[in-house]
Amino acid sequence: MAGKAGQKVTKADIVDSVYEKAGMNRKEIRTVVDLFINEIKDALIEQQIIELRGFGTFEVRVRKGRQKARNPRTGELVSVNSHGIAAFRPGRELKQNVWNIDGPAPDES
């Protein structure tokens, strides 16, 4: 699944990559990937923490509400209630593997 930096990888790309590496039936792989994603979603909805060692942790965090938030599209002041957000925290191994990836070059203007 090697590609250009910044290129999107879709669920279909992941299924194809696993198919090429495992040689299993594509339909079965798609089913397993869908089940895996649904398990993560269900756990987050139940406010459970999902820890995938060597990869990272998914969790729900509560973002505090505010009385004076601004709609970025219209500039209108609105109030926002407290709400949950899905958050991902990369594991140590993943952090180390992506640490030295070069980003875009800074402007030299």
PDB file of N, CA and C in Angstrom:
ATOM      1  N   MET A   1       0.833  -1.173   0.000  1.00  0.00           N
ATOM      2  CA  MET A   1       0.000   0.000   0.000  1.00  0.00           C
ATOM      3  C   MET A   1       0.887   1.249   0.000  1.00  0.00           C
ATOM      4  N   ALA A   2       2.055   1.139  -0.583  1.00  0.00           N
ATOM      5  CA  ALA A   2       2.933   2.300  -0.659  1.00  0.00           C
ATOM      6  C   ALA A   2       2.387   3.271  -1.689  1.00  0.00           C
ATOM      7  N   GLY A   3       2.442   4.536  -1.358  1.00  0.00           N
ATOM      8  CA  GLY A   3       1.935   5.554  -2.269  1.00  0.00           C
ATOM      9  C   GLY A   3       2.654   6.857  -2.030  1.00  0.00           C
ATOM     10  N   LYS A   4       2.139   7.883  -2.657  1.00  0.00           N
ATOM     11  CA  LYS A   4       2.715   9.216  -2.505  1.00  0.00           C
ATOM     12  C   LYS A   4       2.332   9.789  -1.152  1.00  0.00           C
ATOM     13  N   ALA A   5       3.220  10.634  -0.618  1.00  0.00           N
ATOM     14  CA  ALA A   5       2.946  11.300   0.656  1.00  0.00           C
ATOM     15  C   ALA A   5       1.701  12.164   0.514  1.00  0.00           C
ATOM     16  N   GLY A   6       0.857  12.129   1.517  1.00  0.00           N
ATOM     17  CA  GLY A   6      -0.350  12.943   1.517  1.00  0.00           C
ATOM     18  C   GLY A   6      -1.509  12.340   0.739  1.00  0.00           C
ATOM     19  N   GLN A   7      -1.278  11.206   0.098  1.00  0.00           N
ATOM     20  CA  GLN A   7      -2.338  10.557  -0.674  1.00  0.00           C
ATOM     21  C   GLN A   7      -3.303   9.864   0.279  1.00  0.00           C
ATOM     22  N   LYS A   8      -4.605   9.931  -0.038  1.00  0.00           N
ATOM     23  CA  LYS A   8      -5.611   9.267   0.788  1.00  0.00           C
ATOM     24  C   LYS A   8      -5.569   7.766   0.581  1.00  0.00           C
ATOM     25  N   VAL A   9      -5.796   7.030   1.653  1.00  0.00           N
ATOM     26  CA  VAL A   9      -5.950   5.587   1.589  1.00  0.00           C
ATOM     27  C   VAL A   9      -7.372   5.280   2.034  1.00  0.00           C
ATOM     28  N   THR A  10      -8.127   4.611   1.192  1.00  0.00           N
ATOM     29  CA  THR A  10      -9.509   4.300   1.505  1.00  0.00           C
ATOM     30  C   THR A  10      -9.635   2.896   2.085  1.00  0.00           C
ATOM     31  N   LYS A  11     -10.831   2.602   2.582  1.00  0.00           N
ATOM     32  CA  LYS A  11     -11.083   1.249   3.093  1.00  0.00           C
ATOM     33  C   LYS A  11     -10.885   0.224   1.980  1.00  0.00           C
ATOM     34  N   ALA A  12     -11.310   0.563   0.752  1.00  0.00           N
ATOM     35  CA  ALA A  12     -11.125  -0.338  -0.386  1.00  0.00           C
ATOM     36  C   ALA A  12      -9.638  -0.586  -0.656  1.00  0.00           C
ATOM     37  N   ASP A  13      -8.806   0.451  -0.494  1.00  0.00           N
ATOM     38  CA  ASP A  13      -7.358   0.289  -0.669  1.00  0.00           C
ATOM     39  C   ASP A  13      -6.792  -0.672   0.371  1.00  0.00           C
ATOM     40  N   ILE A  14      -7.267  -0.552   1.597  1.00  0.00           N
ATOM     41  CA  ILE A  14      -6.806  -1.443   2.669  1.00  0.00           C
ATOM     42  C   ILE A  14      -7.214  -2.881   2.364  1.00  0.00           C
ATOM     43  N   VAL A  15      -8.456  -3.071   1.923  1.00  0.00           N
ATOM     44  CA  VAL A  15      -8.939  -4.415   1.569  1.00  0.00           C
ATOM     45  C   VAL A  15      -8.068  -4.989   0.458  1.00  0.00           C
ATOM     46  N   ASP A  16      -7.772  -4.196  -0.578  1.00  0.00           N
ATOM     47  CA  ASP A  16      -6.940  -4.667  -1.686  1.00  0.00           C
ATOM     48  C   ASP A  16      -5.535  -5.032  -1.217  1.00  0.00           C
ATOM     49  N   SER A  17      -4.967  -4.212  -0.335  1.00  0.00           N
ATOM     50  CA  SER A  17      -3.629  -4.477   0.172  1.00  0.00           C
ATOM     51  C   SER A  17      -3.581  -5.778   0.974  1.00  0.00           C
ATOM     52  N   VAL A  18      -4.576  -5.973   1.836  1.00  0.00           N
ATOM     53  CA  VAL A  18      -4.632  -7.214   2.621  1.00  0.00           C
ATOM     54  C   VAL A  18      -4.839  -8.404   1.687  1.00  0.00           C
ATOM     55  N   TYR A  19      -5.661  -8.234   0.667  1.00  0.00           N
ATOM     56  CA  TYR A  19      -5.910  -9.301  -0.316  1.00  0.00           C
ATOM     57  C   TYR A  19      -4.605  -9.727  -0.983  1.00  0.00           C
ATOM     58  N   GLU A  20      -3.792  -8.735  -1.393  1.00  0.00           N
ATOM     59  CA  GLU A  20      -2.526  -9.044  -2.062  1.00  0.00           C
ATOM     60  C   GLU A  20      -1.542  -9.749  -1.130  1.00  0.00           C
ATOM     61  N   LYS A  21      -1.570  -9.375   0.160  1.00  0.00           N
ATOM     62  CA  LYS A  21      -0.612  -9.942   1.106  1.00  0.00           C
ATOM     63  C   LYS A  21      -1.071 -11.278   1.670  1.00  0.00           C
ATOM     64  N   ALA A  22      -2.382 -11.438   1.891  1.00  0.00           N
ATOM     65  CA  ALA A  22      -2.881 -12.637   2.556  1.00  0.00           C
ATOM     66  C   ALA A  22      -3.414 -13.666   1.573  1.00  0.00           C
ATOM     67  N   GLY A  23      -3.801 -13.205   0.392  1.00  0.00           N
ATOM     68  CA  GLY A  23      -4.333 -14.139  -0.592  1.00  0.00           C
ATOM     69  C   GLY A  23      -5.686 -14.708  -0.214  1.00  0.00           C
ATOM     70  N   MET A  24      -6.380 -14.053   0.699  1.00  0.00           N
ATOM     71  CA  MET A  24      -7.713 -14.505   1.099  1.00  0.00           C
ATOM     72  C   MET A  24      -8.747 -13.935   0.145  1.00  0.00           C
ATOM     73  N   ASN A  25      -9.970 -14.367   0.296  1.00  0.00           N
ATOM     74  CA  ASN A  25     -11.087 -13.896  -0.500  1.00  0.00           C
ATOM     75  C   ASN A  25     -11.361 -12.424  -0.177  1.00  0.00           C
ATOM     76  N   ARG A  26     -11.487 -11.573  -1.227  1.00  0.00           N
ATOM     77  CA  ARG A  26     -11.718 -10.136  -1.024  1.00  0.00           C
ATOM     78  C   ARG A  26     -12.981  -9.863  -0.214  1.00  0.00           C
ATOM     79  N   LYS A  27     -14.032 -10.611  -0.485  1.00  0.00           N
ATOM     80  CA  LYS A  27     -15.310 -10.400   0.206  1.00  0.00           C
ATOM     81  C   LYS A  27     -15.160 -10.678   1.705  1.00  0.00           C
ATOM     82  N   GLU A  28     -14.427 -11.736   2.041  1.00  0.00           N
ATOM     83  CA  GLU A  28     -14.203 -12.067   3.458  1.00  0.00           C
ATOM     84  C   GLU A  28     -13.359 -10.985   4.134  1.00  0.00           C
ATOM     85  N   ILE A  29     -12.342 -10.491   3.427  1.00  0.00           N
ATOM     86  CA  ILE A  29     -11.498  -9.439   3.989  1.00  0.00           C
ATOM     87  C   ILE A  29     -12.338  -8.195   4.243  1.00  0.00           C
ATOM     88  N   ARG A  30     -13.186  -7.815   3.282  1.00  0.00           N
ATOM     89  CA  ARG A  30     -14.046  -6.635   3.434  1.00  0.00           C
ATOM     90  C   ARG A  30     -14.950  -6.818   4.654  1.00  0.00           C
ATOM     91  N   THR A  31     -15.488  -8.018   4.833  1.00  0.00           N
ATOM     92  CA  THR A  31     -16.354  -8.301   5.976  1.00  0.00           C
ATOM     93  C   THR A  31     -15.588  -8.132   7.286  1.00  0.00           C
ATOM     94  N   VAL A  32     -14.369  -8.660   7.346  1.00  0.00           N
ATOM     95  CA  VAL A  32     -13.557  -8.559   8.566  1.00  0.00           C
ATOM     96  C   VAL A  32     -13.205  -7.090   8.848  1.00  0.00           C
ATOM     97  N   VAL A  33     -12.826  -6.334   7.821  1.00  0.00           N
ATOM     98  CA  VAL A  33     -12.487  -4.919   8.009  1.00  0.00           C
ATOM     99  C   VAL A  33     -13.719  -4.159   8.507  1.00  0.00           C
ATOM    100  N   ASP A  34     -14.887  -4.409   7.892  1.00  0.00           N
ATOM    101  CA  ASP A  34     -16.125  -3.756   8.327  1.00  0.00           C
ATOM    102  C   ASP A  34     -16.459  -4.104   9.777  1.00  0.00           C
ATOM    103  N   LEU A  35     -16.308  -5.381  10.140  1.00  0.00           N
ATOM    104  CA  LEU A  35     -16.588  -5.801  11.518  1.00  0.00           C
ATOM    105  C   LEU A  35     -15.630  -5.134  12.497  1.00  0.00           C
ATOM    106  N   PHE A  36     -14.364  -5.044  12.119  1.00  0.00           N
ATOM    107  CA  PHE A  36     -13.352  -4.411  12.964  1.00  0.00           C
ATOM    108  C   PHE A  36     -13.704  -2.941  13.211  1.00  0.00           C
ATOM    109  N   ILE A  37     -14.036  -2.230  12.148  1.00  0.00           N
ATOM    110  CA  ILE A  37     -14.393  -0.814  12.272  1.00  0.00           C
ATOM    111  C   ILE A  37     -15.654  -0.660  13.115  1.00  0.00           C
ATOM    112  N   ASN A  38     -16.635  -1.528  12.911  1.00  0.00           N
ATOM    113  CA  ASN A  38     -17.870  -1.452  13.701  1.00  0.00           C
ATOM    114  C   ASN A  38     -17.619  -1.727  15.179  1.00  0.00           C
ATOM    115  N   GLU A  39     -16.700  -2.625  15.483  1.00  0.00           N
ATOM    116  CA  GLU A  39     -16.352  -2.898  16.884  1.00  0.00           C
ATOM    117  C   GLU A  39     -15.749  -1.651  17.531  1.00  0.00           C
ATOM    118  N   ILE A  40     -14.893  -0.945  16.795  1.00  0.00           N
ATOM    119  CA  ILE A  40     -14.304   0.286  17.322  1.00  0.00           C
ATOM    120  C   ILE A  40     -15.392   1.328  17.543  1.00  0.00           C
ATOM    121  N   LYS A  41     -16.275   1.503  16.547  1.00  0.00           N
ATOM    122  CA  LYS A  41     -17.381   2.468  16.685  1.00  0.00           C
ATOM    123  C   LYS A  41     -18.246   2.142  17.895  1.00  0.00           C
ATOM    124  N   ASP A  42     -18.645   0.875  18.022  1.00  0.00           N
ATOM    125  CA  ASP A  42     -19.525   0.464  19.124  1.00  0.00           C
ATOM    126  C   ASP A  42     -18.868   0.719  20.476  1.00  0.00           C
ATOM    127  N   ALA A  43     -17.572   0.408  20.579  1.00  0.00           N
ATOM    128  CA  ALA A  43     -16.854   0.630  21.841  1.00  0.00           C
ATOM    129  C   ALA A  43     -16.803   2.116  22.174  1.00  0.00           C
ATOM    130  N   LEU A  44     -16.568   2.967  21.170  1.00  0.00           N
ATOM    131  CA  LEU A  44     -16.530   4.407  21.412  1.00  0.00           C
ATOM    132  C   LEU A  44     -17.896   4.920  21.847  1.00  0.00           C
ATOM    133  N   ILE A  45     -18.950   4.425  21.220  1.00  0.00           N
ATOM    134  CA  ILE A  45     -20.307   4.832  21.595  1.00  0.00           C
ATOM    135  C   ILE A  45     -20.595   4.449  23.040  1.00  0.00           C
ATOM    136  N   GLU A  46     -20.034   3.338  23.494  1.00  0.00           N
ATOM    137  CA  GLU A  46     -20.190   2.887  24.882  1.00  0.00           C
ATOM    138  C   GLU A  46     -19.169   3.561  25.801  1.00  0.00           C
ATOM    139  N   GLN A  47     -18.419   4.522  25.271  1.00  0.00           N
ATOM    140  CA  GLN A  47     -17.390   5.280  25.988  1.00  0.00           C
ATOM    141  C   GLN A  47     -16.279   4.389  26.542  1.00  0.00           C
ATOM    142  N   GLN A  48     -15.953   3.358  25.792  1.00  0.00           N
ATOM    143  CA  GLN A  48     -14.838   2.493  26.157  1.00  0.00           C
ATOM    144  C   GLN A  48     -13.579   3.003  25.465  1.00  0.00           C
ATOM    145  N   ILE A  49     -12.432   2.626  25.982  1.00  0.00           N
ATOM    146  CA  ILE A  49     -11.145   2.988  25.402  1.00  0.00           C
ATOM    147  C   ILE A  49     -10.634   1.787  24.616  1.00  0.00           C
ATOM    148  N   ILE A  50     -10.221   2.027  23.375  1.00  0.00           N
ATOM    149  CA  ILE A  50      -9.704   0.952  22.525  1.00  0.00           C
ATOM    150  C   ILE A  50      -8.202   1.142  22.414  1.00  0.00           C
ATOM    151  N   GLU A  51      -7.443   0.189  22.918  1.00  0.00           N
ATOM    152  CA  GLU A  51      -5.985   0.271  22.886  1.00  0.00           C
ATOM    153  C   GLU A  51      -5.457  -0.790  21.931  1.00  0.00           C
ATOM    154  N   LEU A  52      -4.778  -0.335  20.880  1.00  0.00           N
ATOM    155  CA  LEU A  52      -4.147  -1.233  19.919  1.00  0.00           C
ATOM    156  C   LEU A  52      -2.642  -1.048  20.073  1.00  0.00           C
ATOM    157  N   ARG A  53      -2.009  -1.936  20.806  1.00  0.00           N
ATOM    158  CA  ARG A  53      -0.584  -1.799  21.130  1.00  0.00           C
ATOM    159  C   ARG A  53       0.253  -1.687  19.865  1.00  0.00           C
ATOM    160  N   GLY A  54       1.201  -0.774  19.889  1.00  0.00           N
ATOM    161  CA  GLY A  54       2.062  -0.529  18.746  1.00  0.00           C
ATOM    162  C   GLY A  54       1.417   0.406  17.727  1.00  0.00           C
ATOM    163  N   PHE A  55       0.145   0.730  17.918  1.00  0.00           N
ATOM    164  CA  PHE A  55      -0.555   1.618  16.994  1.00  0.00           C
ATOM    165  C   PHE A  55      -1.048   2.862  17.715  1.00  0.00           C
ATOM    166  N   GLY A  56      -1.996   2.677  18.638  1.00  0.00           N
ATOM    167  CA  GLY A  56      -2.496   3.828  19.369  1.00  0.00           C
ATOM    168  C   GLY A  56      -3.766   3.525  20.123  1.00  0.00           C
ATOM    169  N   THR A  57      -4.386   4.577  20.649  1.00  0.00           N
ATOM    170  CA  THR A  57      -5.563   4.459  21.491  1.00  0.00           C
ATOM    171  C   THR A  57      -6.672   5.362  20.964  1.00  0.00           C
ATOM    172  N   PHE A  58      -7.861   4.797  20.849  1.00  0.00           N
ATOM    173  CA  PHE A  58      -9.057   5.557  20.508  1.00  0.00           C
ATOM    174  C   PHE A  58      -9.842   5.750  21.790  1.00  0.00           C
ATOM    175  N   GLU A  59     -10.380   6.963  21.988  1.00  0.00           N
ATOM    176  CA  GLU A  59     -11.177   7.220  23.174  1.00  0.00           C
ATOM    177  C   GLU A  59     -12.138   8.369  22.903  1.00  0.00           C
ATOM    178  N   VAL A  60     -13.125   8.504  23.773  1.00  0.00           N
ATOM    179  CA  VAL A  60     -14.058   9.619  23.689  1.00  0.00           C
ATOM    180  C   VAL A  60     -13.628  10.647  24.719  1.00  0.00           C
ATOM    181  N   ARG A  61     -13.541  11.887  24.284  1.00  0.00           N
ATOM    182  CA  ARG A  61     -13.249  12.989  25.196  1.00  0.00           C
ATOM    183  C   ARG A  61     -14.444  13.925  25.175  1.00  0.00           C
ATOM    184  N   VAL A  62     -14.702  14.544  26.312  1.00  0.00           N
ATOM    185  CA  VAL A  62     -15.808  15.497  26.388  1.00  0.00           C
ATOM    186  C   VAL A  62     -15.253  16.896  26.189  1.00  0.00           C
ATOM    187  N   ARG A  63     -15.812  17.584  25.229  1.00  0.00           N
ATOM    188  CA  ARG A  63     -15.432  18.972  24.972  1.00  0.00           C
ATOM    189  C   ARG A  63     -16.443  19.863  25.684  1.00  0.00           C
ATOM    190  N   LYS A  64     -15.946  20.757  26.529  1.00  0.00           N
ATOM    191  CA  LYS A  64     -16.829  21.626  27.300  1.00  0.00           C
ATOM    192  C   LYS A  64     -17.617  22.555  26.380  1.00  0.00           C
ATOM    193  N   GLY A  65     -18.864  22.807  26.773  1.00  0.00           N
ATOM    194  CA  GLY A  65     -19.688  23.746  26.028  1.00  0.00           C
ATOM    195  C   GLY A  65     -19.248  25.173  26.282  1.00  0.00           C
ATOM    196  N   ARG A  66     -19.683  26.076  25.397  1.00  0.00           N
ATOM    197  CA  ARG A  66     -19.348  27.492  25.551  1.00  0.00           C
ATOM    198  C   ARG A  66     -20.572  28.322  25.203  1.00  0.00           C
ATOM    199  N   GLN A  67     -20.711  29.410  25.914  1.00  0.00           N
ATOM    200  CA  GLN A  67     -21.825  30.330  25.649  1.00  0.00           C
ATOM    201  C   GLN A  67     -21.548  31.201  24.430  1.00  0.00           C
ATOM    202  N   LYS A  68     -20.288  31.545  24.219  1.00  0.00           N
ATOM    203  CA  LYS A  68     -19.953  32.478  23.139  1.00  0.00           C
ATOM    204  C   LYS A  68     -19.020  31.828  22.128  1.00  0.00           C
ATOM    205  N   ALA A  69     -19.557  30.906  21.356  1.00  0.00           N
ATOM    206  CA  ALA A  69     -18.794  30.327  20.255  1.00  0.00           C
ATOM    207  C   ALA A  69     -19.204  31.071  18.990  1.00  0.00           C
ATOM    208  N   ARG A  70     -18.397  30.971  17.969  1.00  0.00           N
ATOM    209  CA  ARG A  70     -18.703  31.683  16.730  1.00  0.00           C
ATOM    210  C   ARG A  70     -18.826  30.683  15.585  1.00  0.00           C
ATOM    211  N   ASN A  71     -19.904  30.801  14.811  1.00  0.00           N
ATOM    212  CA  ASN A  71     -20.073  29.992  13.617  1.00  0.00           C
ATOM    213  C   ASN A  71     -19.055  30.498  12.592  1.00  0.00           C
ATOM    214  N   PRO A  72     -18.082  29.661  12.194  1.00  0.00           N
ATOM    215  CA  PRO A  72     -17.030  30.150  11.294  1.00  0.00           C
ATOM    216  C   PRO A  72     -17.557  30.520   9.906  1.00  0.00           C
ATOM    217  N   ARG A  73     -18.662  29.955   9.513  1.00  0.00           N
ATOM    218  CA  ARG A  73     -19.204  30.240   8.192  1.00  0.00           C
ATOM    219  C   ARG A  73     -19.907  31.600   8.143  1.00  0.00           C
ATOM    220  N   THR A  74     -20.678  31.897   9.203  1.00  0.00           N
ATOM    221  CA  THR A  74     -21.478  33.124   9.184  1.00  0.00           C
ATOM    222  C   THR A  74     -20.944  34.201  10.119  1.00  0.00           C
ATOM    223  N   GLY A  75     -20.090  33.815  11.078  1.00  0.00           N
ATOM    224  CA  GLY A  75     -19.591  34.766  12.048  1.00  0.00           C
ATOM    225  C   GLY A  75     -20.571  35.012  13.189  1.00  0.00           C
ATOM    226  N   GLU A  76     -21.726  34.374  13.145  1.00  0.00           N
ATOM    227  CA  GLU A  76     -22.773  34.545  14.153  1.00  0.00           C
ATOM    228  C   GLU A  76     -22.348  33.925  15.486  1.00  0.00           C
ATOM    229  N   LEU A  77     -22.667  34.609  16.593  1.00  0.00           N
ATOM    230  CA  LEU A  77     -22.404  34.062  17.926  1.00  0.00           C
ATOM    231  C   LEU A  77     -23.456  33.008  18.237  1.00  0.00           C
ATOM    232  N   VAL A  78     -23.002  31.850  18.719  1.00  0.00           N
ATOM    233  CA  VAL A  78     -23.907  30.752  19.079  1.00  0.00           C
ATOM    234  C   VAL A  78     -23.421  30.141  20.377  1.00  0.00           C
ATOM    235  N   SER A  79     -24.314  29.437  21.077  1.00  0.00           N
ATOM    236  CA  SER A  79     -23.878  28.691  22.261  1.00  0.00           C
ATOM    237  C   SER A  79     -23.760  27.225  21.864  1.00  0.00           C
ATOM    238  N   VAL A  80     -22.782  26.565  22.453  1.00  0.00           N
ATOM    239  CA  VAL A  80     -22.513  25.166  22.135  1.00  0.00           C
ATOM    240  C   VAL A  80     -22.538  24.373  23.434  1.00  0.00           C
ATOM    241  N   ASN A  81     -23.324  23.308  23.469  1.00  0.00           N
ATOM    242  CA  ASN A  81     -23.390  22.435  24.640  1.00  0.00           C
ATOM    243  C   ASN A  81     -22.154  21.546  24.708  1.00  0.00           C
ATOM    244  N   SER A  82     -21.870  21.006  25.898  1.00  0.00           N
ATOM    245  CA  SER A  82     -20.804  20.018  26.033  1.00  0.00           C
ATOM    246  C   SER A  82     -21.143  18.828  25.152  1.00  0.00           C
ATOM    247  N   HIS A  83     -20.112  18.235  24.560  1.00  0.00           N
ATOM    248  CA  HIS A  83     -20.354  17.097  23.663  1.00  0.00           C
ATOM    249  C   HIS A  83     -19.109  16.220  23.588  1.00  0.00           C
ATOM    250  N   GLY A  84     -19.318  14.986  23.173  1.00  0.00           N
ATOM    251  CA  GLY A  84     -18.217  14.042  23.040  1.00  0.00           C
ATOM    252  C   GLY A  84     -17.565  14.151  21.676  1.00  0.00           C
ATOM    253  N   ILE A  85     -16.267  13.877  21.638  1.00  0.00           N
ATOM    254  CA  ILE A  85     -15.544  13.784  20.378  1.00  0.00           C
ATOM    255  C   ILE A  85     -14.712  12.510  20.405  1.00  0.00           C
ATOM    256  N   ALA A  86     -14.547  11.890  19.243  1.00  0.00           N
ATOM    257  CA  ALA A  86     -13.681  10.727  19.136  1.00  0.00           C
ATOM    258  C   ALA A  86     -12.253  11.229  18.979  1.00  0.00           C
ATOM    259  N   ALA A  87     -11.341  10.678  19.766  1.00  0.00           N
ATOM    260  CA  ALA A  87      -9.949  11.129  19.727  1.00  0.00           C
ATOM    261  C   ALA A  87      -9.031   9.928  19.524  1.00  0.00           C
ATOM    262  N   PHE A  88      -7.921  10.161  18.846  1.00  0.00           N
ATOM    263  CA  PHE A  88      -6.909   9.126  18.633  1.00  0.00           C
ATOM    264  C   PHE A  88      -5.592   9.642  19.174  1.00  0.00           C
ATOM    265  N   ARG A  89      -4.929   8.798  19.949  1.00  0.00           N
ATOM    266  CA  ARG A  89      -3.608   9.126  20.497  1.00  0.00           C
ATOM    267  C   ARG A  89      -2.647   8.068  19.972  1.00  0.00           C
ATOM    268  N   PRO A  90      -1.681   8.466  19.147  1.00  0.00           N
ATOM    269  CA  PRO A  90      -0.768   7.462  18.586  1.00  0.00           C
ATOM    270  C   PRO A  90       0.092   6.823  19.666  1.00  0.00           C
ATOM    271  N   GLY A  91       0.403   5.552  19.471  1.00  0.00           N
ATOM    272  CA  GLY A  91       1.278   4.836  20.389  1.00  0.00           C
ATOM    273  C   GLY A  91       2.735   5.215  20.159  1.00  0.00           C
ATOM    274  N   ARG A  92       3.581   4.830  21.076  1.00  0.00           N
ATOM    275  CA  ARG A  92       5.001   5.182  21.022  1.00  0.00           C
ATOM    276  C   ARG A  92       5.649   4.710  19.715  1.00  0.00           C
ATOM    277  N   GLU A  93       5.369   3.475  19.325  1.00  0.00           N
ATOM    278  CA  GLU A  93       5.983   2.921  18.114  1.00  0.00           C
ATOM    279  C   GLU A  93       5.563   3.709  16.870  1.00  0.00           C
ATOM    280  N   LEU A  94       4.286   4.034  16.763  1.00  0.00           N
ATOM    281  CA  LEU A  94       3.806   4.817  15.623  1.00  0.00           C
ATOM    282  C   LEU A  94       4.410   6.213  15.636  1.00  0.00           C
ATOM    283  N   LYS A  95       4.461   6.844  16.814  1.00  0.00           N
ATOM    284  CA  LYS A  95       5.069   8.172  16.932  1.00  0.00           C
ATOM    285  C   LYS A  95       6.504   8.158  16.433  1.00  0.00           C
ATOM    286  N   GLN A  96       7.266   7.143  16.863  1.00  0.00           N
ATOM    287  CA  GLN A  96       8.671   7.054  16.465  1.00  0.00           C
ATOM    288  C   GLN A  96       8.805   6.826  14.964  1.00  0.00           C
ATOM    289  N   ASN A  97       7.917   6.036  14.385  1.00  0.00           N
ATOM    290  CA  ASN A  97       8.006   5.732  12.957  1.00  0.00           C
ATOM    291  C   ASN A  97       7.672   6.930  12.075  1.00  0.00           C
ATOM    292  N   VAL A  98       6.827   7.823  12.535  1.00  0.00           N
ATOM    293  CA  VAL A  98       6.459   8.980  11.701  1.00  0.00           C
ATOM    294  C   VAL A  98       7.206  10.248  12.091  1.00  0.00           C
ATOM    295  N   TRP A  99       7.986  10.217  13.145  1.00  0.00           N
ATOM    296  CA  TRP A  99       8.642  11.412  13.668  1.00  0.00           C
ATOM    297  C   TRP A  99       9.503  12.113  12.619  1.00  0.00           C
ATOM    298  N   ASN A 100      10.283  11.373  11.863  1.00  0.00           N
ATOM    299  CA  ASN A 100      11.243  11.986  10.953  1.00  0.00           C
ATOM    300  C   ASN A 100      10.710  12.161   9.536  1.00  0.00           C
ATOM    301  N   ILE A 101       9.407  12.043   9.353  1.00  0.00           N
ATOM    302  CA  ILE A 101       8.848  12.281   8.024  1.00  0.00           C
ATOM    303  C   ILE A 101       8.922  13.779   7.765  1.00  0.00           C
ATOM    304  N   ASP A 102       9.489  14.123   6.629  1.00  0.00           N
ATOM    305  CA  ASP A 102       9.625  15.540   6.278  1.00  0.00           C
ATOM    306  C   ASP A 102       8.294  16.086   5.823  1.00  0.00           C
ATOM    307  N   GLY A 103       7.940  17.225   6.368  1.00  0.00           N
ATOM    308  CA  GLY A 103       6.732  17.920   5.942  1.00  0.00           C
ATOM    309  C   GLY A 103       7.061  18.822   4.778  1.00  0.00           C
ATOM    310  N   PRO A 104       6.114  19.657   4.375  1.00  0.00           N
ATOM    311  CA  PRO A 104       6.384  20.591   3.291  1.00  0.00           C
ATOM    312  C   PRO A 104       7.473  21.573   3.691  1.00  0.00           C
ATOM    313  N   ALA A 105       8.267  21.977   2.733  1.00  0.00           N
ATOM    314  CA  ALA A 105       9.366  22.910   3.011  1.00  0.00           C
ATOM    315  C   ALA A 105       8.811  24.265   3.398  1.00  0.00           C
ATOM    316  N   PRO A 106       9.396  24.907   4.406  1.00  0.00           N
ATOM    317  CA  PRO A 106       8.916  26.244   4.796  1.00  0.00           C
ATOM    318  C   PRO A 106       9.163  27.243   3.674  1.00  0.00           C
ATOM    319  N   ASP A 107       8.278  28.226   3.577  1.00  0.00           N
ATOM    320  CA  ASP A 107       8.438  29.269   2.554  1.00  0.00           C
ATOM    321  C   ASP A 107       9.719  30.042   2.816  1.00  0.00           C
ATOM    322  N   GLU A 108      10.455  30.280   1.770  1.00  0.00           N
ATOM    323  CA  GLU A 108      11.696  31.049   1.896  1.00  0.00           C
ATOM    324  C   GLU A 108      11.495  32.440   1.307  1.00  0.00           C
ATOM    325  N   SER A 109      10.292  32.982   1.410  1.00  0.00           N
ATOM    326  CA  SER A 109       9.980  34.306   0.836  1.00  0.00           C
ATOM    327  C   SER A 109      10.539  35.404   1.674  1.00  0.00           C
TER     328      SER A 109
END
